[in-house]
Protein backbone atom coordinates (compact mmCIF):
# COMPACT_ATOMS: atom_id res chain seq x y z
CA MET A 1 -15.52 7.03 11.62
CA PHE A 2 -18.16 6.73 8.93
CA GLN A 3 -21.97 6.09 9.32
CA GLU A 4 -24.16 4.64 6.76
CA LYS A 5 -27.06 6.80 6.01
CA ASN A 6 -29.44 6.44 2.83
CA GLY A 7 -26.92 4.93 0.67
CA TYR A 8 -24.01 7.20 1.72
CA PHE A 9 -21.20 6.83 4.29
CA VAL A 10 -21.07 10.18 6.42
CA PRO A 11 -17.74 11.01 7.77
CA SER A 12 -17.45 11.71 11.59
CA GLU A 13 -17.33 15.42 12.72
CA SER A 14 -13.75 14.81 13.75
CA LEU A 15 -12.79 13.81 10.39
CA ILE A 16 -14.46 16.83 8.70
CA GLU A 17 -12.83 19.26 11.21
CA LYS A 18 -9.29 17.91 10.46
CA ALA A 19 -9.71 18.12 6.70
CA ASN A 20 -7.85 20.55 4.59
CA ALA A 21 -10.87 21.69 2.91
CA ARG A 22 -12.21 23.07 6.27
CA GLN A 23 -9.92 25.91 6.27
CA TYR A 24 -11.17 27.04 2.72
CA LYS A 25 -14.87 26.66 3.61
CA LYS A 26 -15.74 30.33 3.02
CA LEU A 27 -13.90 30.53 -0.31
CA ILE A 28 -15.19 27.42 -1.46
CA GLU A 29 -18.98 28.63 -0.82
CA GLU A 30 -17.93 32.07 -2.60
CA ALA A 31 -16.54 30.01 -5.68
CA ARG A 32 -20.03 28.88 -6.72
CA ASP A 33 -20.60 32.30 -7.68
CA ASP A 34 -17.04 33.48 -8.71
CA PRO A 35 -14.76 30.70 -9.44
CA VAL A 36 -11.95 32.99 -10.69
CA LYS A 37 -11.69 34.50 -7.16
CA LEU A 38 -10.95 31.03 -5.66
CA TRP A 39 -7.83 30.45 -8.21
CA GLN A 40 -6.73 33.66 -7.69
CA GLU A 41 -6.61 33.57 -3.79
CA VAL A 42 -5.21 30.00 -4.14
CA ALA A 43 -2.24 31.19 -6.47
CA LYS A 44 -1.15 33.52 -3.80
CA GLU A 45 -0.06 30.56 -1.62
CA LEU A 46 2.60 29.73 -3.92
CA ASN A 47 5.96 31.76 -4.84
CA TRP A 48 5.70 34.06 -7.83
CA TYR A 49 8.74 35.96 -9.36
CA THR A 50 6.58 38.46 -10.67
CA PRO A 51 2.74 38.79 -9.72
CA TRP A 52 0.29 38.28 -12.49
CA GLU A 53 -1.82 41.32 -13.97
CA LYS A 54 -4.87 39.43 -14.97
CA THR A 55 -6.08 36.07 -13.39
CA LEU A 56 -8.25 35.05 -16.28
CA ASN A 57 -7.87 36.12 -20.16
CA ASP A 58 -11.07 34.84 -21.81
CA GLN A 59 -10.98 37.22 -24.69
CA ASN A 60 -10.01 34.53 -27.17
CA PRO A 61 -11.96 31.34 -26.28
CA PRO A 62 -11.23 28.59 -26.08
CA PHE A 63 -7.57 29.58 -25.89
CA TYR A 64 -7.99 30.85 -22.26
CA LYS A 65 -4.91 32.18 -20.66
CA TRP A 66 -4.45 32.08 -16.68
CA PHE A 67 -2.23 34.44 -14.53
CA GLU A 68 -1.39 36.41 -17.37
CA GLY A 69 1.88 38.56 -16.88
CA GLY A 70 2.91 36.23 -13.94
CA LYS A 71 6.60 34.97 -13.67
CA VAL A 72 6.87 31.57 -11.75
CA ASN A 73 8.63 28.28 -12.03
CA ILE A 74 6.89 25.08 -11.08
CA PHE A 75 10.21 23.39 -9.90
CA HIS A 76 11.02 26.46 -7.59
CA ASN A 77 7.52 25.94 -5.85
CA ALA A 78 7.78 22.00 -5.71
CA VAL A 79 11.29 21.65 -4.28
CA GLU A 80 13.58 24.61 -4.41
CA ARG A 81 11.56 26.94 -2.05
CA TYR A 82 12.01 24.49 0.75
CA ASN A 83 15.94 24.93 0.79
CA ASN A 84 16.08 27.58 3.29
CA THR A 85 13.31 26.32 5.59
CA PRO A 86 13.16 23.61 8.11
CA MET A 87 11.79 21.62 5.21
CA ARG A 88 14.91 20.91 3.60
CA ASN A 89 15.71 18.12 5.85
CA LYS A 90 12.28 16.23 5.40
CA LEU A 91 12.10 13.29 3.19
CA ALA A 92 10.88 14.23 -0.16
CA LEU A 93 11.26 10.86 -1.79
CA ILE A 94 11.40 7.40 -0.79
CA TRP A 95 12.18 4.88 -3.74
CA GLU A 96 12.37 0.99 -4.09
CA GLY A 97 13.28 -0.80 -6.95
CA GLU A 98 11.70 -4.17 -8.05
CA ASN A 99 14.91 -5.84 -6.97
CA GLY A 100 14.65 -4.29 -3.64
CA GLU A 101 17.18 -1.62 -4.27
CA MET A 102 16.20 1.60 -2.03
CA ARG A 103 17.10 5.25 -2.19
CA THR A 104 15.98 8.19 -0.39
CA TYR A 105 16.25 11.89 -0.86
CA SER A 106 15.45 14.94 1.45
CA TYR A 107 13.98 18.01 -0.24
CA HIS A 108 17.44 19.49 0.00
CA ALA A 109 19.16 16.35 -1.59
CA LEU A 110 16.49 16.23 -4.45
CA CYS A 111 17.02 19.98 -5.11
CA ARG A 112 20.84 19.25 -5.33
CA GLU A 113 20.26 16.20 -7.67
CA VAL A 114 17.71 18.12 -9.81
CA ASN A 115 20.33 20.96 -10.17
CA LYS A 116 22.98 18.29 -11.42
CA CYS A 117 20.52 17.18 -13.98
CA ALA A 118 19.74 20.55 -15.00
CA ASN A 119 23.29 21.80 -15.59
CA LEU A 120 23.92 18.55 -17.34
CA LEU A 121 21.15 19.06 -19.84
CA LYS A 122 22.18 22.80 -20.21
CA ASN A 123 25.72 21.79 -20.86
CA MET A 124 24.44 19.27 -23.70
CA GLY A 125 22.98 22.10 -25.41
CA VAL A 126 19.34 21.82 -24.03
CA LYS A 127 17.96 25.52 -23.53
CA LYS A 128 14.48 27.06 -22.63
CA GLY A 129 11.91 25.99 -25.02
CA ASP A 130 13.53 22.70 -26.17
CA ARG A 131 11.98 19.53 -26.06
CA VAL A 132 13.29 16.56 -24.20
CA THR A 133 11.97 13.09 -24.29
CA ILE A 134 12.40 11.12 -21.07
CA PHE A 135 12.17 7.25 -21.64
CA LEU A 136 12.94 5.99 -18.43
CA PRO A 137 11.27 3.32 -15.82
CA LYS A 138 9.92 4.28 -12.46
CA ILE A 139 13.36 5.43 -10.94
CA PRO A 140 14.16 8.57 -9.11
CA GLU A 141 15.99 9.81 -12.31
CA GLN A 142 12.71 10.00 -14.10
CA ILE A 143 11.43 12.64 -11.57
CA MET A 144 14.76 14.27 -11.43
CA MET A 145 14.79 15.01 -15.23
CA MET A 146 11.31 16.04 -15.16
CA LEU A 147 11.98 18.80 -12.62
CA ALA A 148 15.26 19.70 -14.23
CA CYS A 149 13.60 20.43 -17.62
CA ALA A 150 11.06 22.68 -15.49
CA LYS A 151 14.14 24.38 -13.77
CA ILE A 152 15.72 25.72 -17.05
CA GLY A 153 12.44 26.05 -18.84
CA ALA A 154 12.84 23.05 -21.33
CA ILE A 155 9.56 21.28 -22.40
CA HIS A 156 9.53 17.46 -20.94
CA HIS A 157 7.81 14.61 -22.54
CA ILE A 158 7.52 11.53 -20.67
CA ALA A 159 7.44 8.48 -22.94
CA TYR A 160 6.00 5.35 -21.53
CA ILE A 161 8.59 2.41 -21.43
CA GLY A 162 5.99 0.03 -22.79
CA LEU A 163 5.93 1.99 -26.28
CA ASP A 164 6.97 -0.06 -29.15
CA ALA A 165 9.61 1.78 -31.53
CA TYR A 166 7.30 3.05 -34.07
CA THR A 167 4.91 4.78 -31.55
CA LEU A 168 7.96 6.27 -29.72
CA ARG A 169 9.35 7.41 -32.85
CA GLN A 170 6.09 9.40 -33.67
CA GLN A 171 6.18 10.86 -30.18
CA ILE A 172 9.70 12.05 -30.65
CA LEU A 173 8.93 13.32 -34.24
CA SER A 174 5.73 15.20 -32.99
CA THR A 175 7.57 16.87 -30.27
CA GLY A 176 10.61 17.68 -32.16
CA SER A 177 12.63 16.59 -29.26
CA LYS A 178 16.51 17.51 -29.56
CA CYS A 179 17.46 15.22 -26.45
CA VAL A 180 16.32 11.84 -25.24
CA VAL A 181 17.05 10.52 -21.55
CA ALA A 182 16.70 6.89 -21.55
CA SER A 183 17.77 3.77 -19.67
CA ASP A 184 19.69 0.77 -20.84
CA GLY A 185 16.72 -1.14 -19.69
CA SER A 186 14.16 -2.06 -16.93
CA PHE A 187 13.25 -4.65 -14.59
CA ARG A 188 9.86 -6.06 -15.12
CA SER A 189 8.47 -9.00 -13.13
CA GLY A 190 11.99 -10.30 -12.76
CA VAL A 191 12.74 -10.12 -16.33
CA VAL A 192 15.48 -7.85 -17.64
CA VAL A 193 13.66 -5.71 -20.54
CA PRO A 194 16.06 -4.04 -23.11
CA LEU A 195 14.76 -0.41 -23.79
CA LYS A 196 17.70 1.35 -25.56
CA LYS A 197 18.80 -1.37 -27.85
CA ASP A 198 15.60 -2.95 -28.77
CA VAL A 199 13.27 0.23 -28.66
CA LEU A 200 15.03 3.42 -28.79
CA ASP A 201 17.84 2.82 -31.05
CA GLU A 202 15.33 1.49 -33.59
CA ALA A 203 12.80 4.62 -33.02
CA LEU A 204 15.80 7.10 -33.62
CA LYS A 205 16.84 5.82 -37.20
CA LEU A 206 14.34 8.39 -38.74
CA THR A 207 14.37 11.11 -35.89
CA PRO A 208 16.64 13.95 -37.18
CA THR A 209 15.90 16.23 -34.51
CA VAL A 210 17.62 14.32 -31.70
CA LYS A 211 21.23 15.21 -31.29
CA THR A 212 21.79 13.91 -27.75
CA VAL A 213 20.80 10.68 -25.86
CA ILE A 214 21.68 10.42 -22.26
CA VAL A 215 21.60 6.90 -20.92
CA VAL A 216 21.21 5.87 -17.39
CA LYS A 217 22.47 2.43 -16.34
CA ARG A 218 19.57 0.70 -14.61
CA THR A 219 20.27 -3.00 -15.32
CA GLY A 220 23.83 -3.13 -16.46
CA GLN A 221 23.03 -4.69 -19.81
CA ASP A 222 25.33 -4.22 -22.94
CA VAL A 223 23.94 -1.47 -25.09
CA PRO A 224 25.47 0.01 -28.40
CA MET A 225 26.52 3.59 -27.87
CA GLU A 226 26.69 5.91 -30.89
CA ILE A 227 29.80 7.99 -30.95
CA ALA A 228 29.03 12.06 -30.47
CA ARG A 229 25.49 11.21 -29.69
CA ASP A 230 25.11 8.50 -26.82
CA TYR A 231 26.34 9.49 -23.33
CA TRP A 232 26.28 7.46 -19.99
CA PHE A 233 24.29 9.60 -17.38
CA HIS A 234 26.52 8.50 -14.47
CA GLU A 235 29.59 9.91 -16.15
CA LEU A 236 28.09 12.93 -17.22
CA VAL A 237 26.46 13.76 -13.61
CA ASN A 238 29.81 13.21 -11.80
CA LEU A 239 31.86 15.95 -13.98
CA PRO A 240 32.70 19.04 -11.76
CA ILE A 241 30.73 21.35 -14.35
CA VAL A 242 27.34 20.25 -13.24
CA ASN A 243 27.88 21.31 -9.67
CA VAL A 244 27.88 24.92 -10.88
CA LYS A 245 24.86 26.55 -9.00
CA GLU A 246 22.52 27.94 -11.61
CA GLU A 247 19.43 30.21 -11.35
CA THR A 248 16.22 28.84 -11.85
CA GLU A 249 14.39 29.92 -15.04
CA ALA A 250 11.53 32.51 -14.33
CA MET A 251 8.81 31.51 -16.74
CA ASP A 252 5.82 33.21 -17.93
CA ALA A 253 2.84 31.47 -16.55
CA GLU A 254 1.83 30.57 -20.00
CA ASP A 255 5.02 29.17 -20.88
CA PRO A 256 4.88 25.45 -21.89
CA LEU A 257 5.93 22.82 -19.21
CA PHE A 258 5.23 19.45 -20.86
CA ILE A 259 3.64 17.71 -23.70
CA ILE A 260 1.95 14.24 -22.86
CA TYR A 261 0.65 11.74 -25.33
CA ARG A 262 -1.59 8.50 -25.08
CA PRO A 263 0.38 5.59 -25.98
CA HIS A 264 -1.37 5.05 -29.10
CA ILE A 265 -2.48 6.83 -32.12
CA SER A 266 -6.04 8.08 -32.05
CA GLN A 267 -8.55 5.59 -33.69
CA ARG A 268 -10.66 8.61 -34.60
CA SER A 269 -8.53 11.17 -36.08
CA GLY A 270 -5.40 8.75 -37.20
CA LEU A 271 -3.37 11.33 -35.39
CA LEU A 272 -0.75 11.12 -32.41
CA ASN A 273 -2.31 13.98 -29.97
CA GLY A 274 0.19 15.84 -27.82
CA TYR A 275 -1.59 17.81 -25.07
CA LEU A 276 0.34 20.82 -23.87
CA TYR A 277 0.46 22.24 -20.34
CA THR A 278 1.89 25.36 -18.94
CA HIS A 279 3.72 26.39 -15.66
CA GLY A 280 1.39 28.60 -14.09
CA GLY A 281 -2.11 27.24 -14.35
CA TYR A 282 -0.95 23.73 -14.05
CA MET A 283 1.07 24.34 -11.11
CA VAL A 284 -2.09 26.02 -9.07
CA GLY A 285 -4.35 23.07 -10.11
CA ALA A 286 -1.97 20.58 -9.00
CA TYR A 287 -1.16 22.32 -5.93
CA PHE A 288 -4.66 22.79 -4.84
CA THR A 289 -6.59 19.56 -6.01
CA THR A 290 -3.93 17.44 -4.15
CA LYS A 291 -4.08 19.56 -1.02
CA LEU A 292 -7.80 19.14 -0.75
CA ILE A 293 -8.80 15.63 -2.27
CA GLY A 294 -5.43 14.04 -0.90
CA ASP A 295 -5.78 15.84 2.28
CA LEU A 296 -2.00 15.86 2.90
CA LYS A 297 -0.74 16.61 6.26
CA ASP A 298 3.07 17.25 7.12
CA ILE A 299 3.63 13.59 8.56
CA ASP A 300 1.75 11.87 5.63
CA ARG A 301 3.63 9.52 3.50
CA TYR A 302 1.99 9.42 0.13
CA TRP A 303 1.87 6.74 -2.73
CA CYS A 304 0.21 7.36 -5.96
CA THR A 305 1.04 4.31 -8.01
CA SER A 306 0.41 5.76 -11.52
CA ASP A 307 3.44 5.90 -13.81
CA PRO A 308 4.59 9.58 -14.30
CA ALA A 309 4.02 8.95 -18.06
CA TRP A 310 0.20 9.17 -17.56
CA ILE A 311 -1.51 12.63 -16.68
CA THR A 312 -2.23 11.29 -13.16
CA GLY A 313 1.40 10.41 -12.52
CA HIS A 314 2.59 13.82 -13.51
CA THR A 315 -0.04 15.72 -11.44
CA TYR A 316 -0.48 13.06 -8.45
CA THR A 317 2.70 11.05 -8.32
CA VAL A 318 5.18 14.08 -8.89
CA TYR A 319 4.10 17.77 -8.88
CA GLY A 320 1.13 17.69 -6.65
CA PRO A 321 2.35 16.19 -3.72
CA LEU A 322 5.82 18.06 -4.08
CA LEU A 323 4.22 21.34 -4.22
CA ASN A 324 2.52 20.32 -0.95
CA GLY A 325 5.75 19.52 0.77
CA ALA A 326 4.65 15.82 0.96
CA THR A 327 6.84 12.53 1.22
CA ILE A 328 6.44 10.67 -1.88
CA PHE A 329 6.89 6.88 -2.11
CA PHE A 330 7.76 5.72 -5.70
CA TYR A 331 7.87 2.09 -6.61
CA GLU A 332 9.09 0.53 -9.61
CA GLY A 333 7.42 -2.81 -9.81
CA ILE A 334 3.97 -4.10 -10.37
CA PRO A 335 1.37 -4.96 -7.63
CA VAL A 336 1.77 -8.81 -7.83
CA TYR A 337 5.54 -9.53 -8.23
CA PRO A 338 7.01 -11.41 -6.78
CA TYR A 339 4.14 -12.29 -4.70
CA PRO A 340 0.50 -11.27 -4.75
CA ASP A 341 0.77 -8.96 -1.57
CA LYS A 342 3.82 -6.99 -2.83
CA TRP A 343 1.94 -3.70 -2.64
CA TRP A 344 0.33 -4.41 0.68
CA SER A 345 3.76 -5.40 2.11
CA LEU A 346 5.01 -1.94 1.02
CA VAL A 347 2.04 -0.18 2.46
CA GLU A 348 3.14 -1.88 5.78
CA LYS A 349 6.77 -1.37 5.41
CA TYR A 350 6.83 2.30 4.79
CA GLU A 351 3.61 2.95 6.78
CA ILE A 352 1.89 4.61 3.86
CA ASN A 353 -0.98 7.21 4.75
CA ILE A 354 -2.41 7.93 1.50
CA PHE A 355 -2.68 5.13 -1.26
CA THR A 356 -4.34 5.42 -4.71
CA ALA A 357 -4.46 3.18 -7.70
CA ILE A 358 -6.25 2.74 -10.86
CA VAL A 359 -9.48 0.61 -10.71
CA LEU A 360 -7.58 -2.16 -12.62
CA ASN A 361 -5.06 -2.83 -10.22
CA ILE A 362 -7.52 -2.66 -7.36
CA LYS A 363 -9.49 -5.34 -9.05
CA ASN A 364 -6.33 -7.32 -9.81
CA LEU A 365 -5.30 -7.17 -5.86
CA MET A 366 -8.95 -8.13 -4.87
CA ARG A 367 -8.74 -11.08 -7.10
CA GLN A 368 -5.70 -12.28 -5.26
CA GLY A 369 -7.67 -13.12 -2.22
CA ASP A 370 -8.10 -11.35 1.09
CA ALA A 371 -5.69 -13.80 2.82
CA TRP A 372 -2.72 -11.90 1.14
CA LEU A 373 -3.88 -8.50 2.24
CA GLU A 374 -4.66 -9.83 5.95
CA LYS A 375 -0.77 -10.78 6.43
CA HIS A 376 -0.16 -7.27 6.44
CA ASP A 377 -0.73 -4.14 8.87
CA LEU A 378 -2.54 -1.31 6.91
CA SER A 379 -3.57 0.52 10.01
CA SER A 380 -1.19 3.59 8.75
CA LEU A 381 -3.82 4.20 5.75
CA ARG A 382 -6.31 6.81 6.28
CA LEU A 383 -7.21 7.82 2.67
CA LEU A 384 -7.56 5.41 -0.31
CA GLY A 385 -7.97 6.78 -4.05
CA THR A 386 -9.37 5.09 -7.27
CA MET A 387 -9.24 6.47 -10.97
CA ASP A 388 -9.18 6.00 -14.48
CA GLU A 389 -12.56 4.18 -14.94
CA PRO A 390 -15.88 3.78 -13.11
CA ILE A 391 -15.67 1.60 -10.15
CA ASP A 392 -18.22 -1.11 -9.76
CA LEU A 393 -19.91 -1.51 -6.12
CA GLU A 394 -18.16 -4.91 -5.54
CA ILE A 395 -14.82 -3.32 -5.92
CA TRP A 396 -15.96 -0.18 -4.06
CA ASN A 397 -17.12 -2.09 -1.08
CA TRP A 398 -14.08 -4.35 -0.78
CA TYR A 399 -11.69 -1.43 -1.07
CA PHE A 400 -13.54 0.43 1.70
CA LYS A 401 -14.33 -2.40 3.99
CA THR A 402 -11.68 -4.95 3.50
CA VAL A 403 -8.87 -2.59 2.78
CA GLY A 404 -9.78 0.64 4.54
CA LYS A 405 -11.64 -1.27 7.62
CA GLU A 406 -14.29 1.41 7.07
CA GLN A 407 -11.96 3.87 8.47
CA CYS A 408 -10.61 5.52 5.14
CA HIS A 409 -12.05 8.22 3.02
CA ILE A 410 -12.40 6.86 -0.76
CA MET A 411 -11.26 9.40 -3.26
CA ASP A 412 -13.30 8.03 -6.25
CA VAL A 413 -12.32 10.90 -8.80
CA TRP A 414 -12.77 11.99 -12.41
CA GLY A 415 -10.34 13.50 -14.76
CA GLN A 416 -8.87 12.94 -18.01
CA ILE A 417 -5.67 13.44 -20.01
CA GLU A 418 -7.05 16.70 -21.22
CA THR A 419 -7.88 18.11 -17.78
CA GLY A 420 -4.50 18.42 -16.35
CA GLY A 421 -6.20 16.89 -13.06
CA LEU A 422 -9.22 16.14 -11.04
CA LEU A 423 -12.36 17.93 -11.78
CA ILE A 424 -14.90 16.05 -10.00
CA SER A 425 -14.55 14.29 -6.48
CA THR A 426 -15.66 13.96 -3.06
CA LEU A 427 -13.67 15.89 -0.33
CA PRO A 428 -12.89 14.53 3.11
CA THR A 429 -15.61 16.60 4.39
CA MET A 430 -18.29 15.15 2.27
CA PRO A 431 -20.36 11.86 2.42
CA LEU A 432 -19.10 8.98 0.25
CA LYS A 433 -21.45 7.32 -2.20
CA PRO A 434 -20.40 3.92 -3.63
CA GLY A 435 -20.08 3.95 -7.33
CA SER A 436 -20.13 7.99 -7.49
CA ILE A 437 -17.36 10.31 -8.41
CA GLY A 438 -18.95 12.97 -6.17
CA THR A 439 -19.36 16.63 -7.15
CA ALA A 440 -17.46 19.36 -8.96
CA PHE A 441 -14.32 20.28 -7.27
CA PRO A 442 -14.38 23.85 -5.90
CA GLY A 443 -13.72 26.34 -8.60
CA ILE A 444 -15.01 23.61 -11.21
CA VAL A 445 -18.56 24.30 -12.92
CA ALA A 446 -19.65 21.02 -14.15
CA GLY A 447 -22.95 19.82 -15.73
CA VAL A 448 -24.92 16.95 -17.19
CA VAL A 449 -26.75 18.10 -20.10
CA ASN A 450 -28.77 17.07 -23.25
CA GLU A 451 -27.90 17.57 -26.83
CA GLU A 452 -29.11 21.09 -26.64
CA GLY A 453 -26.93 21.91 -23.79
CA LYS A 454 -29.74 22.04 -21.38
CA GLU A 455 -29.27 20.40 -17.86
CA VAL A 456 -31.17 16.72 -17.74
CA GLY A 457 -33.41 15.79 -14.59
CA VAL A 458 -32.13 13.70 -11.73
CA GLU A 459 -30.81 10.34 -12.53
CA GLU A 460 -31.16 10.93 -16.37
CA GLU A 461 -28.26 10.28 -18.52
CA GLY A 462 -26.62 13.16 -20.62
CA TYR A 463 -23.26 14.61 -21.49
CA LEU A 464 -20.55 15.57 -18.88
CA VAL A 465 -19.49 19.04 -19.67
CA ILE A 466 -17.36 21.59 -17.92
CA LYS A 467 -18.94 24.81 -18.20
CA LYS A 468 -16.20 27.36 -17.06
CA PRO A 469 -12.41 27.43 -17.92
CA TRP A 470 -10.13 26.27 -15.12
CA PRO A 471 -6.33 27.16 -14.67
CA TYR A 472 -4.98 23.44 -15.18
CA MET A 473 -6.64 22.80 -18.46
CA LEU A 474 -4.75 21.72 -21.44
CA ARG A 475 -3.99 24.89 -23.57
CA THR A 476 -4.02 22.91 -26.99
CA ILE A 477 -3.37 19.87 -28.95
CA TYR A 478 0.41 20.38 -29.86
CA GLU A 479 0.57 21.99 -33.18
CA ASN A 480 -3.13 21.40 -34.03
CA GLN A 481 -5.31 24.07 -32.52
CA GLU A 482 -8.26 23.53 -34.99
CA LEU A 483 -8.37 19.94 -33.93
CA TYR A 484 -8.42 21.18 -30.19
CA LYS A 485 -11.30 23.63 -30.78
CA ASP A 486 -13.30 21.34 -32.96
CA ARG A 487 -13.06 18.15 -30.56
CA TYR A 488 -13.64 19.76 -27.12
CA TRP A 489 -15.34 23.18 -27.69
CA SER A 490 -17.41 22.84 -30.91
CA LYS A 491 -19.88 19.94 -29.96
CA MET A 492 -21.64 22.32 -27.56
CA LYS A 493 -21.03 26.14 -27.71
CA GLY A 494 -19.01 27.59 -24.90
CA VAL A 495 -18.67 24.53 -23.09
CA TYR A 496 -15.87 21.82 -22.55
CA TYR A 497 -17.33 18.39 -24.13
CA THR A 498 -15.83 15.67 -22.21
CA GLY A 499 -17.33 12.89 -24.38
CA ASP A 500 -18.29 11.15 -21.22
CA ILE A 501 -22.02 9.99 -20.47
CA ALA A 502 -23.10 10.84 -16.85
CA LYS A 503 -26.09 11.37 -14.71
CA LYS A 504 -26.56 13.08 -11.28
CA ASP A 505 -28.68 11.99 -8.27
CA LYS A 506 -30.93 14.40 -6.05
CA ASN A 507 -27.79 15.65 -4.19
CA GLY A 508 -25.81 16.51 -7.37
CA TYR A 509 -23.45 13.48 -7.02
CA ILE A 510 -22.17 12.54 -10.32
CA SER A 511 -21.97 8.85 -11.82
CA VAL A 512 -20.18 8.38 -15.02
CA VAL A 513 -22.11 5.54 -17.10
CA LYS A 514 -19.48 5.38 -19.98
CA ARG A 515 -16.08 6.62 -20.63
CA ILE A 516 -15.11 7.70 -24.12
CA THR A 517 -11.65 7.93 -25.40
CA PHE A 518 -10.93 10.26 -28.19
């Protein structure tokens, strides 16, 4: 399947021919000179209520606008559009809880449940443009509420369940959320963790914008419920009123879809930075990057282990695979509980084809020893992904040779919370280079430059920059446009400054030397 040659692993011709990227060969070549044309053609593969008038409006940099004048809804493209096709009966979501509980949803069933959640939110006073904080563990309701917000035009904010009350309060205050969807608690390594009582209720003591709290019963623990504010999800979702069929909101392409935060306050600025993304451009980027890098096929079962609270989880656990009609596997627990082979047992049980995890988790799995991995049949795997930080050669080789048996393409990728998705990666049509993140994704123009903005030489270290706007880029730091402009676009005029240090080899493959968090 792969042949080692001059430090690269070259995929066989049969692998290359089957790759999704192959069907875009001409468009990818043309994108080197005209990246906007690529995004324009890709966007046509999705459903639009009203076609856009201008693909890219670059008259007010760095506040670029994509698909201006277009009307669209990401929920419609991710779920609803399959309702009148044979895809309606395909599995959209397979979920397993840490305690072994299991639920599955076809695309039709997922659409039905999202409609209920959307009606529930509307009947609780949530309307287009309102912010909704979702403080849930990795359970189906987390995904359903994301999609429900998108359906009605509300802006979702997924808060990581590991937040303390103070940071959660600051995020809610920053968004101005009027509704919070939370759970009574979560399971973590066999322990019942209180979320509402110990974290959320404390956070809400000084958050006057929140009028409604919807509580999902996950663990069954006793929680205080404030009259006229707190409501049980399972009671609301079974009311007849939520079964009324409502039309999906037609959104402007530049209407906000979500706000996302890092789980800490910036050490540099002393601020809590919310990153704002929009329906149209984000949708196109999530769809196309998942299609090419993930190389999704109709029969694939796809597992991105990232929590939807992270940008990777937004794009590659939820939106990207659904936009491609994939079957998602979604697991609540950690990699090594109750046994060190838990994740491998799930790969075998559900016959996962595409598996991706952050480097820290891959390293943790490697440390458990190969005996745990070798207990399981992992032959269903065909693509393996890694993200979040540079991967060292020892881990890369273990992942490729021991886990993938030298049969799986390794998606070692680069992106940031600010980029909305992946900007640099190898595609399944390209040779692999251990330790390298590959080359710029089609339609992305990346460079490694010096302080003056000039390209550095081969194997010289420089600043990683993105030279042209892309559809799924963040639009601004929420309610702080000056910080957005100053941080990312003022360091080097006319280019996006990533803050990362990188170098290129003679074939244009990029390696990140140092990652920087703002």
